Amino acid sequence: MKTFSFTSALTVLAIGVALTGFPPAQSQEGPQSPSSDTVSKPRKPPQQTPGNEPPEQEKIPSQYKKQAPDQPENDTPTFRADATTVTVPVAVLDQKGRFIPNIPQGYFRVQEDGVPQSISGFAKGEAPMTVCMLIEFSGRFQAYWSYGWGETLTAAYGFVSTLKPDDNIAVVAFDLRSTILSDFTTDRSKTQEALARLRIPGFSESNLFDAMTDMADRMSSIEGRKAILVIASGIDTFSKLTFDKTRRALQSSGVPIYSISILQVARAIADARGMMGPIAQLDFLQADNAMRTFAKETGGQAFFPRFEGELPGVFRSLAEALRNQYTLAYHPTNVSRDGKYRKIKVDLVNPATGEPLKVVENGKPVKYQIVAKVCYNAPRTVE
């Protein structure tokens, strides 16, 4: 078992963190009207006056303004891979983590292994979340009343406080092994009871890879909007699975991984005081890279907050990405059942020119990011 020279620093930095919740974030977005090369996102709907109406070809077709009767708003498909269809949930977020709505199907482009695909299905809307909150709770970094202990519980309680009544959440803690503290439920009292058990850690191991793959496998058959939220340092100490095997397992599960890294500020302070050796620094860099990789390849996001004040923005981004999504479906041009790894790339483009789409808010360009799965494993024929 490895030990880090800065572990004592975390004890010195031990503080009492008040477990306060954050109120649900309120979105302030207004409707959008995409033009031939921009998608505007004003705070208030623009007033139309004679002479300034958009050209007929720039108006959003009526079929995009309302869900079709046979596709309820809250009944969108989830990611699957079979012989004929691949469906990919997509979230488009601005630089503040807010969801950008009302983007028509024609502005999305999907490529598989660099080959453009024809989008055969398109849906958008808001639906309840099904989230497994996977929490690292070991004697290594969550010793009672330590900085890591308080930071972990602040993130966990804070996220739960942002949930809506219809959201399902399960609480799972891991150290040497995973322990299900509460199953998926909308009963917040059960969730609070589960979090109340996170007081005295047991083992000092943190088997992150085994815990994530186990939960992803359990959730792979769940329908609807689902995700795993990992609250952890990112360091794995004793897992049976390697990093590469974990990547492949998570890619196949179809469950997005979102992560909140802890100990960022403690690491910075320990490093500034010369209390972190080169091995500890390398281990934490690898941990951050693993968290980013798992999130990116499964269509999730990784967050590395240094201060408690950053958490409300993190929770808002999580809610925007999980509750609001576009769902794209296509029939792969490569119909081989070879079980091979295939890359997916989703872009927003101007359908007239093929150039990257520009998003404008109040006359100013807006940077945006597309959160979507980047790969899947093709089905394999069993002979």
Protein backbone atom coordinates (compact mmCIF):
# COMPACT_ATOMS: atom_id res chain seq x y z
CA MET A 1 0.00 0.00 0.00
CA LYS A 2 1.35 3.40 -1.00
CA THR A 3 1.48 6.28 1.44
CA PHE A 4 1.86 9.92 0.62
CA SER A 5 4.07 12.31 2.48
CA PHE A 6 1.36 14.94 2.49
CA THR A 7 -1.29 12.84 4.27
CA SER A 8 -0.35 14.49 7.53
CA ALA A 9 -0.98 17.84 5.88
CA LEU A 10 -4.63 16.91 5.38
CA THR A 11 -4.93 16.27 9.10
CA VAL A 12 -3.35 19.63 9.86
CA LEU A 13 -5.81 21.21 7.45
CA ALA A 14 -8.77 19.50 9.12
CA ILE A 15 -11.70 21.82 9.41
CA GLY A 16 -15.35 21.61 10.38
CA VAL A 17 -17.38 22.05 7.23
CA ALA A 18 -21.03 23.00 7.76
CA LEU A 19 -23.15 20.77 5.58
CA THR A 20 -25.32 23.37 3.95
CA GLY A 21 -27.36 22.80 0.82
CA PHE A 22 -27.69 24.95 -2.22
CA PRO A 23 -31.05 25.96 -3.67
CA PRO A 24 -31.91 24.58 -7.07
CA ALA A 25 -30.44 26.64 -9.87
CA GLN A 26 -32.96 28.52 -11.95
CA SER A 27 -32.38 28.74 -15.68
CA GLN A 28 -32.73 32.21 -17.20
CA GLU A 29 -32.63 31.24 -20.81
CA GLY A 30 -35.04 32.56 -23.37
CA PRO A 31 -36.18 31.09 -26.70
CA GLN A 32 -33.86 30.87 -29.66
CA SER A 33 -34.34 31.51 -33.34
CA PRO A 34 -31.62 29.99 -35.50
CA SER A 35 -30.70 31.82 -38.66
CA SER A 36 -28.79 30.50 -41.64
CA ASP A 37 -25.47 30.69 -39.79
CA THR A 38 -26.30 31.54 -36.18
CA VAL A 39 -28.49 30.36 -33.34
CA SER A 40 -29.45 33.38 -31.25
CA LYS A 41 -30.10 32.94 -27.55
CA PRO A 42 -31.66 36.22 -26.30
CA ARG A 43 -32.88 36.64 -22.76
CA LYS A 44 -36.28 37.84 -24.01
CA PRO A 45 -38.10 37.03 -27.25
CA PRO A 46 -37.34 39.76 -29.81
CA GLN A 47 -40.28 41.90 -30.88
CA GLN A 48 -41.12 41.63 -34.56
CA THR A 49 -42.02 44.84 -36.37
CA PRO A 50 -42.96 45.26 -40.00
CA GLY A 51 -39.87 45.12 -42.10
CA ASN A 52 -37.63 43.20 -39.72
CA GLU A 53 -39.18 39.73 -39.96
CA PRO A 54 -36.59 37.02 -40.76
CA PRO A 55 -36.58 35.66 -44.29
CA GLU A 56 -38.84 32.68 -44.77
CA GLN A 57 -35.89 30.28 -45.17
CA GLU A 58 -34.42 31.44 -41.84
CA LYS A 59 -37.51 30.64 -39.78
CA ILE A 60 -37.59 27.43 -37.75
CA PRO A 61 -39.89 24.89 -39.44
CA SER A 62 -43.09 24.36 -37.46
CA GLN A 63 -42.31 20.68 -36.87
CA TYR A 64 -39.40 21.70 -34.63
CA LYS A 65 -41.51 23.94 -32.41
CA LYS A 66 -43.64 21.17 -30.98
CA GLN A 67 -43.10 17.50 -30.22
CA ALA A 68 -44.83 15.16 -32.61
CA PRO A 69 -47.82 13.32 -31.08
CA ASP A 70 -46.07 9.95 -31.36
CA GLN A 71 -42.95 11.20 -29.55
CA PRO A 72 -43.85 12.48 -26.05
CA GLU A 73 -41.49 15.13 -24.73
CA ASN A 74 -40.40 13.07 -21.73
CA ASP A 75 -40.15 9.74 -23.54
CA THR A 76 -36.80 9.98 -25.30
CA PRO A 77 -34.64 6.96 -26.10
CA THR A 78 -31.35 6.21 -24.42
CA PHE A 79 -28.04 5.14 -25.90
CA ARG A 80 -28.14 1.71 -27.45
CA ALA A 81 -26.11 -0.12 -30.04
CA ASP A 82 -27.56 -2.92 -32.15
CA ALA A 83 -27.49 -4.08 -35.73
CA THR A 84 -29.44 -1.18 -37.21
CA THR A 85 -29.68 1.83 -34.89
CA VAL A 86 -27.45 3.90 -32.65
CA THR A 87 -28.98 6.61 -30.47
CA VAL A 88 -26.87 9.29 -28.79
CA PRO A 89 -28.00 11.72 -26.07
CA VAL A 90 -26.48 15.19 -26.63
CA ALA A 91 -26.36 18.30 -24.44
CA VAL A 92 -25.25 21.67 -25.82
CA LEU A 93 -24.06 23.98 -23.03
CA ASP A 94 -22.79 27.54 -23.06
CA GLN A 95 -19.69 28.74 -21.18
CA LYS A 96 -21.77 29.09 -17.99
CA GLY A 97 -23.02 25.52 -18.18
CA ARG A 98 -26.53 26.48 -19.33
CA PHE A 99 -28.40 24.29 -21.78
CA ILE A 100 -28.97 25.87 -25.22
CA PRO A 101 -32.48 24.90 -26.39
CA ASN A 102 -34.41 25.01 -29.68
CA ILE A 103 -31.67 23.84 -32.03
CA PRO A 104 -33.31 22.10 -35.03
CA GLN A 105 -32.21 18.71 -36.29
CA GLY A 106 -30.65 20.14 -39.43
CA TYR A 107 -27.89 21.85 -37.46
CA PHE A 108 -26.55 18.59 -36.01
CA ARG A 109 -23.94 16.52 -37.79
CA VAL A 110 -22.97 13.02 -36.69
CA GLN A 111 -19.90 11.17 -37.89
CA GLU A 112 -18.90 7.60 -37.15
CA ASP A 113 -15.20 6.85 -37.68
CA GLY A 114 -15.04 10.01 -39.78
CA VAL A 115 -17.94 9.00 -42.05
CA PRO A 116 -21.02 11.30 -42.02
CA GLN A 117 -24.22 9.59 -40.92
CA SER A 118 -27.81 10.40 -41.81
CA ILE A 119 -29.86 11.31 -38.72
CA SER A 120 -33.03 9.24 -38.75
CA GLY A 121 -34.47 10.23 -35.37
CA PHE A 122 -34.49 13.43 -33.35
CA ALA A 123 -36.05 14.34 -29.98
CA LYS A 124 -35.57 16.95 -27.30
CA GLY A 125 -37.02 17.75 -23.91
CA GLU A 126 -36.65 17.58 -20.13
CA ALA A 127 -37.08 14.45 -18.04
CA PRO A 128 -36.39 13.26 -14.48
CA MET A 129 -32.89 12.03 -13.70
CA THR A 130 -31.81 8.63 -12.44
CA VAL A 131 -28.47 9.14 -10.74
CA CYS A 132 -26.21 6.85 -8.77
CA MET A 133 -24.08 8.98 -6.44
CA LEU A 134 -20.87 6.98 -6.05
CA ILE A 135 -18.90 8.38 -3.12
CA GLU A 136 -15.33 7.59 -2.12
CA PHE A 137 -15.35 7.15 1.66
CA SER A 138 -12.17 5.58 2.98
CA GLY A 139 -9.77 6.18 5.83
CA ARG A 140 -7.21 7.34 3.31
CA PHE A 141 -8.72 10.78 2.54
CA GLN A 142 -11.99 10.89 4.50
CA ALA A 143 -10.74 10.44 8.06
CA TYR A 144 -13.30 11.74 10.55
CA TRP A 145 -13.44 15.54 10.63
CA SER A 146 -10.64 15.91 8.10
CA TYR A 147 -10.67 18.34 5.18
CA GLY A 148 -11.45 15.53 2.71
CA TRP A 149 -14.29 14.28 4.95
CA GLY A 150 -15.94 17.69 5.05
CA GLU A 151 -15.42 18.37 1.35
CA THR A 152 -16.92 15.00 0.38
CA LEU A 153 -20.04 15.48 2.49
CA THR A 154 -20.51 19.08 1.36
CA ALA A 155 -20.55 17.95 -2.28
CA ALA A 156 -22.89 15.03 -1.56
CA TYR A 157 -25.44 16.95 0.52
CA GLY A 158 -25.26 19.92 -1.85
CA PHE A 159 -26.08 17.84 -4.91
CA VAL A 160 -29.01 16.12 -3.20
CA SER A 161 -30.47 19.52 -2.30
CA THR A 162 -30.76 20.41 -6.01
CA LEU A 163 -32.84 17.36 -6.96
CA LYS A 164 -36.44 17.65 -8.12
CA PRO A 165 -39.25 15.51 -6.63
CA ASP A 166 -39.33 13.06 -9.57
CA ASP A 167 -35.56 12.49 -9.66
CA ASN A 168 -34.39 9.04 -8.59
CA ILE A 169 -31.11 8.76 -6.72
CA ALA A 170 -29.10 5.93 -5.19
CA VAL A 171 -26.22 6.38 -2.75
CA VAL A 172 -23.23 4.04 -2.94
CA ALA A 173 -20.04 4.38 -0.91
CA PHE A 174 -16.81 2.60 -1.77
CA ASP A 175 -13.47 1.88 -0.15
CA LEU A 176 -12.17 -1.69 -0.46
CA ARG A 177 -15.57 -2.64 -1.86
CA SER A 178 -18.83 -0.95 -2.82
CA THR A 179 -21.67 -0.63 -0.31
CA ILE A 180 -25.17 0.32 -1.44
CA LEU A 181 -26.44 2.69 1.25
CA SER A 182 -29.77 3.34 -0.47
CA ASP A 183 -31.32 2.04 -3.67
CA PHE A 184 -32.89 4.28 -6.31
CA THR A 185 -35.67 6.27 -4.72
CA THR A 186 -37.53 9.56 -4.85
CA ASP A 187 -37.92 9.48 -1.05
CA ARG A 188 -35.44 12.09 0.17
CA SER A 189 -35.64 10.85 3.76
CA LYS A 190 -34.07 7.55 2.67
CA THR A 191 -31.33 9.45 0.87
CA GLN A 192 -30.65 11.57 3.96
CA GLU A 193 -30.48 8.42 6.09
CA ALA A 194 -27.93 6.97 3.67
CA LEU A 195 -25.75 10.10 3.80
CA ALA A 196 -25.96 10.10 7.60
CA ARG A 197 -24.07 6.80 7.58
CA LEU A 198 -21.04 8.52 6.09
CA ARG A 199 -19.32 9.42 9.33
CA ILE A 200 -16.57 6.96 10.28
CA PRO A 201 -14.71 5.43 7.30
CA GLY A 202 -13.56 1.81 7.30
CA PHE A 203 -10.78 0.59 5.04
CA SER A 204 -8.07 2.85 3.67
CA GLU A 205 -8.31 1.49 0.13
CA SER A 206 -10.12 3.28 -2.71
CA ASN A 207 -11.08 0.79 -5.40
CA LEU A 208 -12.54 3.31 -7.82
CA PHE A 209 -12.31 1.26 -11.03
CA ASP A 210 -14.12 -1.76 -9.57
CA ALA A 211 -16.82 0.47 -8.04
CA MET A 212 -17.54 2.36 -11.28
CA THR A 213 -17.73 -0.72 -13.49
CA ASP A 214 -19.94 -2.52 -10.99
CA MET A 215 -22.43 0.37 -10.83
CA ALA A 216 -22.33 0.95 -14.60
CA ASP A 217 -23.13 -2.72 -15.20
CA ARG A 218 -26.04 -2.57 -12.74
CA MET A 219 -27.43 0.54 -14.45
CA SER A 220 -26.93 -0.54 -18.07
CA SER A 221 -30.49 -1.91 -18.37
CA ILE A 222 -32.19 1.14 -16.79
CA GLU A 223 -34.25 3.18 -19.25
CA GLY A 224 -34.41 6.98 -19.36
CA ARG A 225 -31.96 9.70 -18.36
CA LYS A 226 -29.34 8.06 -16.18
CA ALA A 227 -25.83 8.78 -14.98
CA ILE A 228 -23.23 8.00 -12.33
CA LEU A 229 -21.95 10.94 -10.29
CA VAL A 230 -18.55 10.10 -8.80
CA ILE A 231 -17.37 12.17 -5.83
CA ALA A 232 -13.79 11.05 -5.30
CA SER A 233 -10.09 11.88 -5.38
CA GLY A 234 -9.75 9.80 -8.55
CA ILE A 235 -6.95 7.65 -7.09
CA ASP A 236 -7.40 3.90 -7.38
CA THR A 237 -5.39 1.74 -5.00
CA PHE A 238 -6.46 -1.88 -5.15
CA SER A 239 -8.92 -2.58 -7.99
CA LYS A 240 -8.95 -5.88 -9.82
CA LEU A 241 -9.57 -4.10 -13.13
CA THR A 242 -6.92 -2.08 -14.93
CA PHE A 243 -7.48 1.41 -16.33
CA ASP A 244 -7.86 0.11 -19.91
CA LYS A 245 -10.33 -2.61 -18.93
CA THR A 246 -12.33 -0.07 -16.97
CA ARG A 247 -12.47 2.25 -20.00
CA ARG A 248 -13.82 -0.52 -22.22
CA ALA A 249 -16.38 -1.62 -19.65
CA LEU A 250 -17.69 1.92 -19.17
CA GLN A 251 -17.87 2.53 -22.93
CA SER A 252 -19.97 -0.61 -23.37
CA SER A 253 -22.35 0.16 -20.50
CA GLY A 254 -23.89 3.28 -22.06
CA VAL A 255 -24.02 5.07 -18.68
CA PRO A 256 -22.53 8.61 -18.64
CA ILE A 257 -19.96 9.28 -15.92
CA TYR A 258 -19.92 12.68 -14.21
CA SER A 259 -17.30 13.36 -11.56
CA ILE A 260 -16.49 15.91 -8.88
CA SER A 261 -12.86 15.79 -7.78
CA ILE A 262 -12.05 16.45 -4.12
CA LEU A 263 -8.81 17.61 -2.43
CA GLN A 264 -7.88 20.10 -5.16
CA VAL A 265 -7.10 22.96 -2.75
CA ALA A 266 -5.51 20.64 -0.17
CA ARG A 267 -3.17 19.34 -2.86
CA ALA A 268 -2.23 22.88 -3.90
CA ILE A 269 -1.45 23.89 -0.31
CA ALA A 270 0.54 20.75 0.41
CA ASP A 271 2.50 21.19 -2.81
CA ALA A 272 3.26 24.85 -2.01
CA ARG A 273 4.64 23.79 1.39
CA GLY A 274 6.83 21.10 -0.14
CA MET A 275 4.82 18.30 1.46
CA MET A 276 4.08 16.39 -1.77
CA GLY A 277 6.75 14.19 -3.26
CA PRO A 278 7.05 13.48 -7.00
CA ILE A 279 5.26 10.13 -6.66
CA ALA A 280 2.24 11.72 -4.98
CA GLN A 281 2.12 14.47 -7.62
CA LEU A 282 2.22 11.90 -10.42
CA ASP A 283 -0.49 9.78 -8.78
CA PHE A 284 -2.84 12.76 -8.52
CA LEU A 285 -2.16 13.87 -12.10
CA GLN A 286 -3.01 10.37 -13.28
CA ALA A 287 -6.15 10.45 -11.12
CA ASP A 288 -7.31 13.72 -12.72
CA ASN A 289 -6.61 12.31 -16.17
CA ALA A 290 -8.62 9.17 -15.40
CA MET A 291 -11.61 11.22 -14.23
CA ARG A 292 -11.49 13.34 -17.40
CA THR A 293 -11.13 10.29 -19.65
CA PHE A 294 -14.02 8.34 -18.14
CA ALA A 295 -16.28 11.39 -18.35
CA LYS A 296 -15.37 12.34 -21.91
CA GLU A 297 -15.62 8.84 -23.37
CA THR A 298 -19.02 8.14 -21.80
CA GLY A 299 -20.60 11.51 -22.65
CA GLY A 300 -20.32 13.01 -19.15
CA GLN A 301 -18.32 15.82 -17.58
CA ALA A 302 -15.53 16.11 -15.01
CA PHE A 303 -15.32 18.99 -12.51
CA PHE A 304 -12.35 20.02 -10.39
CA PRO A 305 -13.62 22.68 -7.96
CA ARG A 306 -11.09 24.29 -5.64
CA PHE A 307 -13.54 26.17 -3.47
CA GLU A 308 -16.93 25.43 -1.96
CA GLY A 309 -18.34 28.48 -3.76
CA GLU A 310 -17.83 26.71 -7.10
CA LEU A 311 -20.19 23.85 -6.22
CA PRO A 312 -23.51 25.59 -7.03
CA GLY A 313 -22.26 26.16 -10.59
CA VAL A 314 -21.18 22.52 -10.81
CA PHE A 315 -24.62 21.32 -9.68
CA ARG A 316 -26.31 23.64 -12.18
CA SER A 317 -24.18 22.25 -15.02
CA LEU A 318 -25.01 18.70 -13.96
CA ALA A 319 -28.74 19.42 -13.96
CA GLU A 320 -28.58 21.19 -17.33
CA ALA A 321 -26.68 18.31 -18.92
CA LEU A 322 -28.76 15.51 -17.38
CA ARG A 323 -32.31 16.87 -17.52
CA ASN A 324 -32.15 18.68 -20.88
CA GLN A 325 -30.95 16.72 -23.86
CA TYR A 326 -31.29 16.23 -27.56
CA THR A 327 -31.41 12.62 -28.69
CA LEU A 328 -30.07 11.75 -32.12
CA ALA A 329 -30.60 8.39 -33.81
CA TYR A 330 -28.91 7.07 -36.93
CA HIS A 331 -28.43 3.84 -38.86
CA PRO A 332 -24.67 3.21 -39.17
CA THR A 333 -23.36 2.91 -42.70
CA ASN A 334 -20.97 0.30 -41.35
CA VAL A 335 -23.28 -2.65 -40.70
CA SER A 336 -20.54 -5.12 -39.76
CA ARG A 337 -21.23 -7.04 -36.55
CA ASP A 338 -17.57 -7.19 -35.61
CA GLY A 339 -17.73 -5.92 -32.03
CA LYS A 340 -15.13 -3.27 -32.78
CA TYR A 341 -14.67 0.11 -31.14
CA ARG A 342 -16.23 2.92 -33.21
CA LYS A 343 -15.77 6.65 -32.69
CA ILE A 344 -18.70 9.07 -32.68
CA LYS A 345 -18.37 12.80 -33.24
CA VAL A 346 -21.28 15.24 -32.93
CA ASP A 347 -20.94 18.79 -34.28
CA LEU A 348 -23.18 21.81 -34.83
CA VAL A 349 -22.85 23.14 -38.37
CA ASN A 350 -24.45 25.63 -40.71
CA PRO A 351 -26.44 23.33 -43.04
CA ALA A 352 -25.96 25.75 -45.94
CA THR A 353 -22.16 25.93 -45.78
CA GLY A 354 -21.09 23.06 -43.53
CA GLU A 355 -19.09 25.47 -41.38
CA PRO A 356 -19.19 25.35 -37.55
CA LEU A 357 -22.36 26.94 -36.21
CA LYS A 358 -22.11 30.29 -34.44
CA VAL A 359 -24.28 30.92 -31.38
CA VAL A 360 -25.10 34.53 -30.49
CA GLU A 361 -26.63 35.96 -27.33
CA ASN A 362 -27.67 39.63 -27.26
CA GLY A 363 -25.50 40.26 -30.31
CA LYS A 364 -22.39 38.68 -28.77
CA PRO A 365 -20.83 35.34 -29.79
CA VAL A 366 -21.23 32.56 -27.25
CA LYS A 367 -18.77 29.73 -26.76
CA TYR A 368 -20.46 26.38 -26.36
CA GLN A 369 -19.54 22.78 -25.74
CA ILE A 370 -21.21 19.61 -26.95
CA VAL A 371 -21.52 16.86 -24.36
CA ALA A 372 -22.05 13.51 -26.08
CA LYS A 373 -20.74 9.98 -26.09
CA VAL A 374 -17.61 9.71 -28.23
CA CYS A 375 -17.59 5.98 -28.90
CA TYR A 376 -19.41 2.67 -28.68
CA ASN A 377 -18.71 -0.99 -29.33
CA ALA A 378 -20.45 -2.44 -32.35
CA PRO A 379 -22.56 -5.60 -31.78
CA ARG A 380 -20.86 -8.91 -32.42
CA THR A 381 -22.36 -11.85 -34.25
CA VAL A 382 -22.22 -15.06 -32.22
CA GLU A 383 -21.80 -18.04 -34.48
